[in-house]
Amino acid sequence: MRFSIIALFLLMSFSGFAQIEEGHYRLKTQFRGSGECLEGNKMDGSKGGTAFMDKCQNVSGQLWKFERVR
């Protein structure tokens, strides 16, 4: 999973998508289809703080923000 996220950032950097609008995004993969989104939960949650693919829903655990690091 960590490799996939790093690859996503590299792809965005080199393909002209470096300017990302402010806001939150849902992350999906071509492999899992458009009906599933990357979700994270709290350390005390049922999955122990992991990130996992789940049915896309209107929940805060599926809203991700890109932050520029300088």
Protein backbone atom coordinates (compact mmCIF):
# COMPACT_ATOMS: atom_id res chain seq x y z
CA MET A 1 0.00 0.00 0.00
CA ARG A 2 2.79 2.44 0.90
CA PHE A 3 4.46 1.88 -2.49
CA SER A 4 1.18 2.68 -4.28
CA ILE A 5 0.81 6.02 -2.51
CA ILE A 6 4.43 6.97 -3.26
CA ALA A 7 3.93 6.01 -6.91
CA LEU A 8 0.80 8.20 -7.03
CA PHE A 9 2.72 11.25 -5.79
CA LEU A 10 5.56 10.64 -8.27
CA LEU A 11 3.13 10.24 -11.15
CA MET A 12 1.38 13.48 -10.22
CA SER A 13 4.70 15.32 -9.95
CA PHE A 14 5.95 14.28 -13.38
CA SER A 15 2.71 14.38 -15.36
CA GLY A 16 1.75 18.03 -14.94
CA PHE A 17 -0.68 17.53 -12.06
CA ALA A 18 1.58 19.22 -9.52
CA GLN A 19 -0.97 22.00 -9.00
CA ILE A 20 -3.69 20.38 -6.92
CA GLU A 21 -6.66 22.46 -5.87
CA GLU A 22 -7.31 22.94 -2.18
CA GLY A 23 -9.84 20.49 -0.78
CA HIS A 24 -10.33 16.86 0.09
CA TYR A 25 -10.28 13.93 -2.31
CA ARG A 26 -11.32 10.29 -2.42
CA LEU A 27 -8.63 7.91 -3.65
CA LYS A 28 -9.65 5.01 -5.90
CA THR A 29 -7.67 2.42 -7.82
CA GLN A 30 -8.25 1.08 -11.29
CA PHE A 31 -7.73 -2.43 -9.91
CA ARG A 32 -10.56 -2.24 -7.33
CA GLY A 33 -12.96 -0.27 -9.55
CA SER A 34 -14.85 2.96 -9.04
CA GLY A 35 -17.04 1.64 -6.20
CA GLU A 36 -14.25 1.40 -3.60
CA CYS A 37 -12.24 4.17 -1.90
CA LEU A 38 -9.16 4.21 0.30
CA GLU A 39 -10.23 4.55 3.93
CA GLY A 40 -8.28 5.06 7.13
CA ASN A 41 -9.46 4.64 10.70
CA LYS A 42 -8.34 5.45 14.22
CA MET A 43 -5.85 3.29 16.09
CA ASP A 44 -8.64 2.20 18.43
CA GLY A 45 -10.91 1.26 15.52
CA SER A 46 -11.88 -2.21 14.39
CA LYS A 47 -8.96 -2.46 11.95
CA GLY A 48 -6.30 -1.05 14.28
CA GLY A 49 -5.48 2.19 12.44
CA THR A 50 -4.82 0.71 9.02
CA ALA A 51 -5.72 2.05 5.59
CA PHE A 52 -7.91 -0.24 3.52
CA MET A 53 -10.22 -0.24 0.50
CA ASP A 54 -13.95 -0.10 1.29
CA LYS A 55 -17.24 0.76 -0.41
CA CYS A 56 -17.25 4.50 -1.21
CA GLN A 57 -19.34 6.30 1.39
CA ASN A 58 -19.82 9.80 2.76
CA VAL A 59 -17.47 9.28 5.74
CA SER A 60 -14.50 11.37 6.91
CA GLY A 61 -12.16 8.35 6.83
CA GLN A 62 -12.33 8.41 3.02
CA LEU A 63 -11.51 12.10 2.61
CA TRP A 64 -7.82 12.75 1.92
CA LYS A 65 -5.95 16.01 1.46
CA PHE A 66 -2.78 16.59 -0.52
CA GLU A 67 -0.32 18.79 1.31
CA ARG A 68 2.71 20.37 -0.29
CA VAL A 69 5.96 19.76 1.60
CA ARG A 70 8.79 22.17 0.96
